[in-house]
Amino acid sequence: MEAEVRVNAAAAAYPALGPGRVLPPGAALVEYHYAAGSADPVTLLAMVKRHAGYDPDGGDWEYLILTPQGTSAHRGALPPCKRCHADAPHDHLFGGPR
């Protein structure tokens, strides 16, 4: 399985996140998962930063599991996503500097 992360303009600072830095509301990240050697994604996992108070324990992130066509299969403060991302080094995100 291969993955690629794409971000919107509000999440452009994602690669440079560090201690104490958080992304603003409206920031969105989508992780495209591909079968080895395929150009077509099999699953998309997304995070959208919501307004302060949306889910304070989860960094105010909404998680989405999407079909390859972009249809939402599950969304919200999904417990499995929150549990994993609670261990992320910066703003509940993996992938930035550690």
PDB file of N, CA and C in Angstrom:
ATOM      1  N   MET A   1       0.854  -1.170   0.000  1.00  0.00           N
ATOM      2  CA  MET A   1       0.000   0.000   0.000  1.00  0.00           C
ATOM      3  C   MET A   1       0.901   1.235   0.000  1.00  0.00           C
ATOM      4  N   GLU A   2       0.569   2.173  -0.841  1.00  0.00           N
ATOM      5  CA  GLU A   2       1.289   3.441  -0.922  1.00  0.00           C
ATOM      6  C   GLU A   2       0.321   4.557  -0.547  1.00  0.00           C
ATOM      7  N   ALA A   3       0.839   5.668  -0.044  1.00  0.00           N
ATOM      8  CA  ALA A   3      -0.021   6.778   0.363  1.00  0.00           C
ATOM      9  C   ALA A   3       0.573   8.106  -0.081  1.00  0.00           C
ATOM     10  N   GLU A   4      -0.316   9.052  -0.323  1.00  0.00           N
ATOM     11  CA  GLU A   4       0.067  10.415  -0.703  1.00  0.00           C
ATOM     12  C   GLU A   4      -0.845  11.373   0.059  1.00  0.00           C
ATOM     13  N   VAL A   5      -0.280  12.400   0.685  1.00  0.00           N
ATOM     14  CA  VAL A   5      -1.075  13.385   1.418  1.00  0.00           C
ATOM     15  C   VAL A   5      -1.188  14.652   0.582  1.00  0.00           C
ATOM     16  N   ARG A   6      -2.413  15.133   0.441  1.00  0.00           N
ATOM     17  CA  ARG A   6      -2.673  16.399  -0.240  1.00  0.00           C
ATOM     18  C   ARG A   6      -3.341  17.336   0.760  1.00  0.00           C
ATOM     19  N   VAL A   7      -3.039  18.621   0.656  1.00  0.00           N
ATOM     20  CA  VAL A   7      -3.578  19.601   1.600  1.00  0.00           C
ATOM     21  C   VAL A   7      -4.183  20.781   0.849  1.00  0.00           C
ATOM     22  N   ASN A   8      -5.110  21.477   1.509  1.00  0.00           N
ATOM     23  CA  ASN A   8      -5.635  22.704   0.920  1.00  0.00           C
ATOM     24  C   ASN A   8      -4.763  23.883   1.360  1.00  0.00           C
ATOM     25  N   ALA A   9      -5.095  25.079   0.893  1.00  0.00           N
ATOM     26  CA  ALA A   9      -4.272  26.259   1.191  1.00  0.00           C
ATOM     27  C   ALA A   9      -4.183  26.533   2.691  1.00  0.00           C
ATOM     28  N   ALA A  10      -5.268  26.300   3.431  1.00  0.00           N
ATOM     29  CA  ALA A  10      -5.256  26.552   4.875  1.00  0.00           C
ATOM     30  C   ALA A  10      -4.312  25.608   5.615  1.00  0.00           C
ATOM     31  N   ALA A  11      -3.984  24.476   5.001  1.00  0.00           N
ATOM     32  CA  ALA A  11      -3.091  23.490   5.621  1.00  0.00           C
ATOM     33  C   ALA A  11      -1.693  23.523   5.014  1.00  0.00           C
ATOM     34  N   ALA A  12      -1.374  24.568   4.265  1.00  0.00           N
ATOM     35  CA  ALA A  12      -0.077  24.628   3.579  1.00  0.00           C
ATOM     36  C   ALA A  12       1.104  24.560   4.544  1.00  0.00           C
ATOM     37  N   ALA A  13       0.916  24.962   5.802  1.00  0.00           N
ATOM     38  CA  ALA A  13       2.000  24.924   6.791  1.00  0.00           C
ATOM     39  C   ALA A  13       2.231  23.525   7.348  1.00  0.00           C
ATOM     40  N   TYR A  14       1.431  22.556   6.937  1.00  0.00           N
ATOM     41  CA  TYR A  14       1.526  21.190   7.474  1.00  0.00           C
ATOM     42  C   TYR A  14       2.942  20.623   7.497  1.00  0.00           C
ATOM     43  N   PRO A  15       3.716  20.720   6.426  1.00  0.00           N
ATOM     44  CA  PRO A  15       5.060  20.122   6.475  1.00  0.00           C
ATOM     45  C   PRO A  15       5.991  20.782   7.489  1.00  0.00           C
ATOM     46  N   ALA A  16       5.700  22.008   7.890  1.00  0.00           N
ATOM     47  CA  ALA A  16       6.595  22.738   8.796  1.00  0.00           C
ATOM     48  C   ALA A  16       6.066  22.820  10.227  1.00  0.00           C
ATOM     49  N   LEU A  17       5.046  22.038  10.560  1.00  0.00           N
ATOM     50  CA  LEU A  17       4.507  22.101  11.917  1.00  0.00           C
ATOM     51  C   LEU A  17       5.570  21.732  12.932  1.00  0.00           C
ATOM     52  N   GLY A  18       5.505  22.380  14.047  1.00  0.00           N
ATOM     53  CA  GLY A  18       6.421  22.094  15.139  1.00  0.00           C
ATOM     54  C   GLY A  18       5.713  22.324  16.456  1.00  0.00           C
ATOM     55  N   PRO A  19       6.423  22.209  17.556  1.00  0.00           N
ATOM     56  CA  PRO A  19       5.808  22.381  18.871  1.00  0.00           C
ATOM     57  C   PRO A  19       5.065  23.708  18.991  1.00  0.00           C
ATOM     58  N   GLY A  20       3.841  23.629  19.487  1.00  0.00           N
ATOM     59  CA  GLY A  20       3.051  24.825  19.720  1.00  0.00           C
ATOM     60  C   GLY A  20       2.353  25.387  18.501  1.00  0.00           C
ATOM     61  N   ARG A  21       2.605  24.840  17.325  1.00  0.00           N
ATOM     62  CA  ARG A  21       1.954  25.347  16.107  1.00  0.00           C
ATOM     63  C   ARG A  21       0.750  24.479  15.788  1.00  0.00           C
ATOM     64  N   VAL A  22      -0.335  25.120  15.432  1.00  0.00           N
ATOM     65  CA  VAL A  22      -1.549  24.398  15.050  1.00  0.00           C
ATOM     66  C   VAL A  22      -2.064  24.968  13.734  1.00  0.00           C
ATOM     67  N   LEU A  23      -2.796  24.164  13.012  1.00  0.00           N
ATOM     68  CA  LEU A  23      -3.398  24.628  11.762  1.00  0.00           C
ATOM     69  C   LEU A  23      -4.711  25.344  12.071  1.00  0.00           C
ATOM     70  N   PRO A  24      -5.127  26.272  11.201  1.00  0.00           N
ATOM     71  CA  PRO A  24      -6.344  27.047  11.445  1.00  0.00           C
ATOM     72  C   PRO A  24      -7.598  26.265  11.061  1.00  0.00           C
ATOM     73  N   PRO A  25      -8.759  26.711  11.575  1.00  0.00           N
ATOM     74  CA  PRO A  25     -10.010  26.110  11.121  1.00  0.00           C
ATOM     75  C   PRO A  25     -10.103  26.197   9.602  1.00  0.00           C
ATOM     76  N   GLY A  26     -10.625  25.144   9.003  1.00  0.00           N
ATOM     77  CA  GLY A  26     -10.727  25.076   7.545  1.00  0.00           C
ATOM     78  C   GLY A  26      -9.592  24.314   6.901  1.00  0.00           C
ATOM     79  N   ALA A  27      -8.518  24.070   7.658  1.00  0.00           N
ATOM     80  CA  ALA A  27      -7.403  23.284   7.113  1.00  0.00           C
ATOM     81  C   ALA A  27      -7.901  21.870   6.830  1.00  0.00           C
ATOM     82  N   ALA A  28      -7.517  21.330   5.693  1.00  0.00           N
ATOM     83  CA  ALA A  28      -7.938  19.979   5.317  1.00  0.00           C
ATOM     84  C   ALA A  28      -6.757  19.211   4.744  1.00  0.00           C
ATOM     85  N   LEU A  29      -6.666  17.951   5.154  1.00  0.00           N
ATOM     86  CA  LEU A  29      -5.641  17.041   4.650  1.00  0.00           C
ATOM     87  C   LEU A  29      -6.348  15.782   4.178  1.00  0.00           C
ATOM     88  N   VAL A  30      -5.959  15.278   3.034  1.00  0.00           N
ATOM     89  CA  VAL A  30      -6.526  14.035   2.512  1.00  0.00           C
ATOM     90  C   VAL A  30      -5.384  13.099   2.188  1.00  0.00           C
ATOM     91  N   GLU A  31      -5.449  11.895   2.743  1.00  0.00           N
ATOM     92  CA  GLU A  31      -4.438  10.876   2.482  1.00  0.00           C
ATOM     93  C   GLU A  31      -5.039   9.868   1.508  1.00  0.00           C
ATOM     94  N   TYR A  32      -4.448   9.801   0.333  1.00  0.00           N
ATOM     95  CA  TYR A  32      -4.885   8.880  -0.712  1.00  0.00           C
ATOM     96  C   TYR A  32      -4.094   7.586  -0.559  1.00  0.00           C
ATOM     97  N   HIS A  33      -4.787   6.458  -0.447  1.00  0.00           N
ATOM     98  CA  HIS A  33      -4.128   5.154  -0.326  1.00  0.00           C
ATOM     99  C   HIS A  33      -4.292   4.395  -1.638  1.00  0.00           C
ATOM    100  N   TYR A  34      -3.168   3.899  -2.153  1.00  0.00           N
ATOM    101  CA  TYR A  34      -3.134   3.192  -3.432  1.00  0.00           C
ATOM    102  C   TYR A  34      -2.619   1.773  -3.229  1.00  0.00           C
ATOM    103  N   ALA A  35      -3.171   0.836  -3.980  1.00  0.00           N
ATOM    104  CA  ALA A  35      -2.578  -0.500  -4.038  1.00  0.00           C
ATOM    105  C   ALA A  35      -1.253  -0.353  -4.776  1.00  0.00           C
ATOM    106  N   ALA A  36      -0.277  -1.156  -4.419  1.00  0.00           N
ATOM    107  CA  ALA A  36       1.050  -1.069  -5.044  1.00  0.00           C
ATOM    108  C   ALA A  36       0.930  -1.109  -6.564  1.00  0.00           C
ATOM    109  N   GLY A  37       1.528  -0.121  -7.215  1.00  0.00           N
ATOM    110  CA  GLY A  37       1.549  -0.065  -8.669  1.00  0.00           C
ATOM    111  C   GLY A  37       0.291   0.485  -9.308  1.00  0.00           C
ATOM    112  N   SER A  38      -0.710   0.865  -8.524  1.00  0.00           N
ATOM    113  CA  SER A  38      -1.964   1.368  -9.081  1.00  0.00           C
ATOM    114  C   SER A  38      -1.991   2.894  -9.041  1.00  0.00           C
ATOM    115  N   ALA A  39      -2.631   3.494 -10.043  1.00  0.00           N
ATOM    116  CA  ALA A  39      -2.799   4.948 -10.079  1.00  0.00           C
ATOM    117  C   ALA A  39      -4.145   5.370  -9.495  1.00  0.00           C
ATOM    118  N   ASP A  40      -4.985   4.395  -9.170  1.00  0.00           N
ATOM    119  CA  ASP A  40      -6.320   4.680  -8.647  1.00  0.00           C
ATOM    120  C   ASP A  40      -6.367   4.434  -7.141  1.00  0.00           C
ATOM    121  N   PRO A  41      -6.807   5.420  -6.356  1.00  0.00           N
ATOM    122  CA  PRO A  41      -6.860   5.213  -4.905  1.00  0.00           C
ATOM    123  C   PRO A  41      -7.917   4.175  -4.535  1.00  0.00           C
ATOM    124  N   VAL A  42      -7.647   3.456  -3.448  1.00  0.00           N
ATOM    125  CA  VAL A  42      -8.617   2.486  -2.946  1.00  0.00           C
ATOM    126  C   VAL A  42      -9.370   3.043  -1.737  1.00  0.00           C
ATOM    127  N   THR A  43      -8.755   3.964  -1.014  1.00  0.00           N
ATOM    128  CA  THR A  43      -9.367   4.589   0.159  1.00  0.00           C
ATOM    129  C   THR A  43      -8.808   5.997   0.315  1.00  0.00           C
ATOM    130  N   LEU A  44      -9.643   6.882   0.819  1.00  0.00           N
ATOM    131  CA  LEU A  44      -9.198   8.226   1.159  1.00  0.00           C
ATOM    132  C   LEU A  44      -9.530   8.474   2.625  1.00  0.00           C
ATOM    133  N   LEU A  45      -8.552   8.972   3.369  1.00  0.00           N
ATOM    134  CA  LEU A  45      -8.746   9.343   4.768  1.00  0.00           C
ATOM    135  C   LEU A  45      -8.509  10.845   4.865  1.00  0.00           C
ATOM    136  N   ALA A  46      -9.427  11.550   5.501  1.00  0.00           N
ATOM    137  CA  ALA A  46      -9.315  13.009   5.549  1.00  0.00           C
ATOM    138  C   ALA A  46      -9.477  13.526   6.969  1.00  0.00           C
ATOM    139  N   MET A  47      -8.899  14.702   7.187  1.00  0.00           N
ATOM    140  CA  MET A  47      -9.053  15.443   8.438  1.00  0.00           C
ATOM    141  C   MET A  47      -9.372  16.886   8.074  1.00  0.00           C
ATOM    142  N   VAL A  48     -10.351  17.461   8.763  1.00  0.00           N
ATOM    143  CA  VAL A  48     -10.704  18.863   8.567  1.00  0.00           C
ATOM    144  C   VAL A  48     -10.706  19.533   9.939  1.00  0.00           C
ATOM    145  N   LYS A  49      -9.949  20.614  10.066  1.00  0.00           N
ATOM    146  CA  LYS A  49      -9.894  21.357  11.331  1.00  0.00           C
ATOM    147  C   LYS A  49     -11.168  22.179  11.437  1.00  0.00           C
ATOM    148  N   ARG A  50     -11.919  21.973  12.507  1.00  0.00           N
ATOM    149  CA  ARG A  50     -13.175  22.684  12.736  1.00  0.00           C
ATOM    150  C   ARG A  50     -12.968  23.821  13.740  1.00  0.00           C
ATOM    151  N   HIS A  51     -14.009  24.556  14.010  1.00  0.00           N
ATOM    152  CA  HIS A  51     -13.963  25.702  14.926  1.00  0.00           C
ATOM    153  C   HIS A  51     -13.598  25.244  16.340  1.00  0.00           C
ATOM    154  N   ALA A  52     -13.046  26.163  17.110  1.00  0.00           N
ATOM    155  CA  ALA A  52     -12.703  25.866  18.502  1.00  0.00           C
ATOM    156  C   ALA A  52     -13.951  25.385  19.235  1.00  0.00           C
ATOM    157  N   GLY A  53     -13.818  24.281  19.948  1.00  0.00           N
ATOM    158  CA  GLY A  53     -14.934  23.710  20.686  1.00  0.00           C
ATOM    159  C   GLY A  53     -15.611  22.555  19.981  1.00  0.00           C
ATOM    160  N   TYR A  54     -15.293  22.311  18.706  1.00  0.00           N
ATOM    161  CA  TYR A  54     -15.897  21.186  17.975  1.00  0.00           C
ATOM    162  C   TYR A  54     -15.608  19.877  18.698  1.00  0.00           C
ATOM    163  N   ASP A  55     -14.366  19.635  19.023  1.00  0.00           N
ATOM    164  CA  ASP A  55     -13.935  18.440  19.761  1.00  0.00           C
ATOM    165  C   ASP A  55     -12.615  18.769  20.454  1.00  0.00           C
ATOM    166  N   PRO A  56     -12.679  19.502  21.577  1.00  0.00           N
ATOM    167  CA  PRO A  56     -11.449  19.957  22.230  1.00  0.00           C
ATOM    168  C   PRO A  56     -10.460  18.838  22.548  1.00  0.00           C
ATOM    169  N   ASP A  57     -10.948  17.678  22.966  1.00  0.00           N
ATOM    170  CA  ASP A  57     -10.044  16.565  23.285  1.00  0.00           C
ATOM    171  C   ASP A  57      -9.350  16.021  22.044  1.00  0.00           C
ATOM    172  N   GLY A  58      -9.933  16.251  20.884  1.00  0.00           N
ATOM    173  CA  GLY A  58      -9.367  15.755  19.633  1.00  0.00           C
ATOM    174  C   GLY A  58      -8.732  16.848  18.791  1.00  0.00           C
ATOM    175  N   GLY A  59      -8.399  17.987  19.409  1.00  0.00           N
ATOM    176  CA  GLY A  59      -7.768  19.068  18.662  1.00  0.00           C
ATOM    177  C   GLY A  59      -8.702  19.772  17.701  1.00  0.00           C
ATOM    178  N   ASP A  60     -10.020  19.547  17.860  1.00  0.00           N
ATOM    179  CA  ASP A  60     -11.052  20.137  16.994  1.00  0.00           C
ATOM    180  C   ASP A  60     -10.974  19.631  15.555  1.00  0.00           C
ATOM    181  N   TRP A  61     -10.486  18.398  15.381  1.00  0.00           N
ATOM    182  CA  TRP A  61     -10.424  17.779  14.058  1.00  0.00           C
ATOM    183  C   TRP A  61     -11.646  16.908  13.812  1.00  0.00           C
ATOM    184  N   GLU A  62     -12.175  16.983  12.591  1.00  0.00           N
ATOM    185  CA  GLU A  62     -13.188  16.038  12.117  1.00  0.00           C
ATOM    186  C   GLU A  62     -12.471  15.055  11.201  1.00  0.00           C
ATOM    187  N   TYR A  63     -12.768  13.770  11.364  1.00  0.00           N
ATOM    188  CA  TYR A  63     -12.152  12.721  10.551  1.00  0.00           C
ATOM    189  C   TYR A  63     -13.181  12.198   9.564  1.00  0.00           C
ATOM    190  N   LEU A  64     -12.714  11.877   8.367  1.00  0.00           N
ATOM    191  CA  LEU A  64     -13.592  11.331   7.342  1.00  0.00           C
ATOM    192  C   LEU A  64     -12.928  10.127   6.694  1.00  0.00           C
ATOM    193  N   ILE A  65     -13.714   9.096   6.469  1.00  0.00           N
ATOM    194  CA  ILE A  65     -13.286   7.949   5.678  1.00  0.00           C
ATOM    195  C   ILE A  65     -14.124   8.009   4.412  1.00  0.00           C
ATOM    196  N   LEU A  66     -13.455   8.101   3.272  1.00  0.00           N
ATOM    197  CA  LEU A  66     -14.135   8.327   1.998  1.00  0.00           C
ATOM    198  C   LEU A  66     -13.919   7.172   1.038  1.00  0.00           C
ATOM    199  N   THR A  67     -14.884   6.986   0.159  1.00  0.00           N
ATOM    200  CA  THR A  67     -14.729   6.020  -0.922  1.00  0.00           C
ATOM    201  C   THR A  67     -13.781   6.614  -1.961  1.00  0.00           C
ATOM    202  N   PRO A  68     -13.281   5.806  -2.886  1.00  0.00           N
ATOM    203  CA  PRO A  68     -12.415   6.352  -3.936  1.00  0.00           C
ATOM    204  C   PRO A  68     -13.089   7.459  -4.755  1.00  0.00           C
ATOM    205  N   GLN A  69     -14.413   7.462  -4.798  1.00  0.00           N
ATOM    206  CA  GLN A  69     -15.140   8.490  -5.541  1.00  0.00           C
ATOM    207  C   GLN A  69     -15.336   9.759  -4.711  1.00  0.00           C
ATOM    208  N   GLY A  70     -14.921   9.737  -3.429  1.00  0.00           N
ATOM    209  CA  GLY A  70     -15.034  10.909  -2.577  1.00  0.00           C
ATOM    210  C   GLY A  70     -16.294  10.963  -1.738  1.00  0.00           C
ATOM    211  N   THR A  71     -17.109   9.913  -1.772  1.00  0.00           N
ATOM    212  CA  THR A  71     -18.319   9.861  -0.960  1.00  0.00           C
ATOM    213  C   THR A  71     -17.954   9.508   0.475  1.00  0.00           C
ATOM    214  N   SER A  72     -18.555  10.198   1.419  1.00  0.00           N
ATOM    215  CA  SER A  72     -18.261   9.954   2.829  1.00  0.00           C
ATOM    216  C   SER A  72     -18.878   8.640   3.285  1.00  0.00           C
ATOM    217  N   ALA A  73     -18.034   7.739   3.815  1.00  0.00           N
ATOM    218  CA  ALA A  73     -18.513   6.487   4.388  1.00  0.00           C
ATOM    219  C   ALA A  73     -18.723   6.657   5.891  1.00  0.00           C
ATOM    220  N   HIS A  74     -17.836   7.406   6.545  1.00  0.00           N
ATOM    221  CA  HIS A  74     -17.917   7.704   7.978  1.00  0.00           C
ATOM    222  C   HIS A  74     -17.311   9.082   8.190  1.00  0.00           C
ATOM    223  N   ARG A  75     -17.866   9.824   9.154  1.00  0.00           N
ATOM    224  CA  ARG A  75     -17.292  11.125   9.461  1.00  0.00           C
ATOM    225  C   ARG A  75     -17.641  11.522  10.882  1.00  0.00           C
ATOM    226  N   GLY A  76     -16.840  12.421  11.429  1.00  0.00           N
ATOM    227  CA  GLY A  76     -17.081  12.920  12.772  1.00  0.00           C
ATOM    228  C   GLY A  76     -15.828  12.806  13.618  1.00  0.00           C
ATOM    229  N   ALA A  77     -16.016  12.843  14.923  1.00  0.00           N
ATOM    230  CA  ALA A  77     -14.911  12.660  15.866  1.00  0.00           C
ATOM    231  C   ALA A  77     -14.767  11.152  16.077  1.00  0.00           C
ATOM    232  N   LEU A  78     -14.310  10.452  15.047  1.00  0.00           N
ATOM    233  CA  LEU A  78     -14.276   8.988  15.038  1.00  0.00           C
ATOM    234  C   LEU A  78     -13.290   8.459  16.080  1.00  0.00           C
ATOM    235  N   PRO A  79     -13.768   7.658  17.049  1.00  0.00           N
ATOM    236  CA  PRO A  79     -12.901   7.181  18.133  1.00  0.00           C
ATOM    237  C   PRO A  79     -11.605   6.502  17.686  1.00  0.00           C
ATOM    238  N   PRO A  80     -11.606   5.608  16.686  1.00  0.00           N
ATOM    239  CA  PRO A  80     -10.320   4.999  16.304  1.00  0.00           C
ATOM    240  C   PRO A  80      -9.319   6.029  15.768  1.00  0.00           C
ATOM    241  N   CYS A  81      -9.809   7.013  15.029  1.00  0.00           N
ATOM    242  CA  CYS A  81      -8.933   8.060  14.487  1.00  0.00           C
ATOM    243  C   CYS A  81      -8.397   8.929  15.623  1.00  0.00           C
ATOM    244  N   LYS A  82      -9.297   9.343  16.523  1.00  0.00           N
ATOM    245  CA  LYS A  82      -8.881  10.178  17.656  1.00  0.00           C
ATOM    246  C   LYS A  82      -7.844   9.474  18.516  1.00  0.00           C
ATOM    247  N   ARG A  83      -8.058   8.182  18.764  1.00  0.00           N
ATOM    248  CA  ARG A  83      -7.142   7.421  19.618  1.00  0.00           C
ATOM    249  C   ARG A  83      -5.738   7.416  19.033  1.00  0.00           C
ATOM    250  N   CYS A  84      -5.615   7.152  17.759  1.00  0.00           N
ATOM    251  CA  CYS A  84      -4.307   7.112  17.099  1.00  0.00           C
ATOM    252  C   CYS A  84      -3.687   8.512  17.052  1.00  0.00           C
ATOM    253  N   HIS A  85      -4.458   9.499  16.624  1.00  0.00           N
ATOM    254  CA  HIS A  85      -3.926  10.851  16.447  1.00  0.00           C
ATOM    255  C   HIS A  85      -3.622  11.554  17.766  1.00  0.00           C
ATOM    256  N   ALA A  86      -4.115  11.032  18.886  1.00  0.00           N
ATOM    257  CA  ALA A  86      -3.759  11.593  20.193  1.00  0.00           C
ATOM    258  C   ALA A  86      -2.259  11.452  20.447  1.00  0.00           C
ATOM    259  N   ASP A  87      -1.620  10.476  19.801  1.00  0.00           N
ATOM    260  CA  ASP A  87      -0.181  10.247  19.961  1.00  0.00           C
ATOM    261  C   ASP A  87       0.668  11.012  18.953  1.00  0.00           C
ATOM    262  N   ALA A  88       0.026  11.766  18.060  1.00  0.00           N
ATOM    263  CA  ALA A  88       0.776  12.509  17.041  1.00  0.00           C
ATOM    264  C   ALA A  88       1.574  13.639  17.689  1.00  0.00           C
ATOM    265  N   PRO A  89       2.723  13.984  17.113  1.00  0.00           N
ATOM    266  CA  PRO A  89       3.608  14.957  17.759  1.00  0.00           C
ATOM    267  C   PRO A  89       3.131  16.407  17.740  1.00  0.00           C
ATOM    268  N   HIS A  90       2.359  16.823  16.740  1.00  0.00           N
ATOM    269  CA  HIS A  90       1.978  18.231  16.621  1.00  0.00           C
ATOM    270  C   HIS A  90       0.547  18.355  16.118  1.00  0.00           C
ATOM    271  N   ASP A  91      -0.311  19.009  16.892  1.00  0.00           N
ATOM    272  CA  ASP A  91      -1.691  19.300  16.478  1.00  0.00           C
ATOM    273  C   ASP A  91      -2.428  18.055  15.997  1.00  0.00           C
ATOM    274  N   HIS A  92      -2.202  16.936  16.631  1.00  0.00           N
ATOM    275  CA  HIS A  92      -2.869  15.671  16.297  1.00  0.00           C
ATOM    276  C   HIS A  92      -2.526  15.199  14.885  1.00  0.00           C
ATOM    277  N   LEU A  93      -1.385  15.630  14.363  1.00  0.00           N
ATOM    278  CA  LEU A  93      -0.977  15.281  13.001  1.00  0.00           C
ATOM    279  C   LEU A  93       0.344  14.523  12.995  1.00  0.00           C
ATOM    280  N   PHE A  94       0.406  13.545  12.132  1.00  0.00           N
ATOM    281  CA  PHE A  94       1.651  12.844  11.834  1.00  0.00           C
ATOM    282  C   PHE A  94       2.203  13.431  10.538  1.00  0.00           C
ATOM    283  N   GLY A  95       3.470  13.255  10.280  1.00  0.00           N
ATOM    284  CA  GLY A  95       4.021  13.648   8.992  1.00  0.00           C
ATOM    285  C   GLY A  95       4.862  14.901   9.015  1.00  0.00           C
ATOM    286  N   GLY A  96       4.608  15.796   9.938  1.00  0.00           N
ATOM    287  CA  GLY A  96       5.466  16.958  10.070  1.00  0.00           C
ATOM    288  C   GLY A  96       6.738  16.554  10.800  1.00  0.00           C
ATOM    289  N   PRO A  97       7.586  17.493  11.121  1.00  0.00           N
ATOM    290  CA  PRO A  97       8.826  17.135  11.816  1.00  0.00           C
ATOM    291  C   PRO A  97       8.537  16.520  13.173  1.00  0.00           C
ATOM    292  N   ARG A  98       9.369  15.566  13.582  1.00  0.00           N
ATOM    293  CA  ARG A  98       9.174  14.900  14.879  1.00  0.00           C
ATOM    294  C   ARG A  98      10.324  15.192  15.776  1.00  0.00           C
TER     295      ARG A  98
END
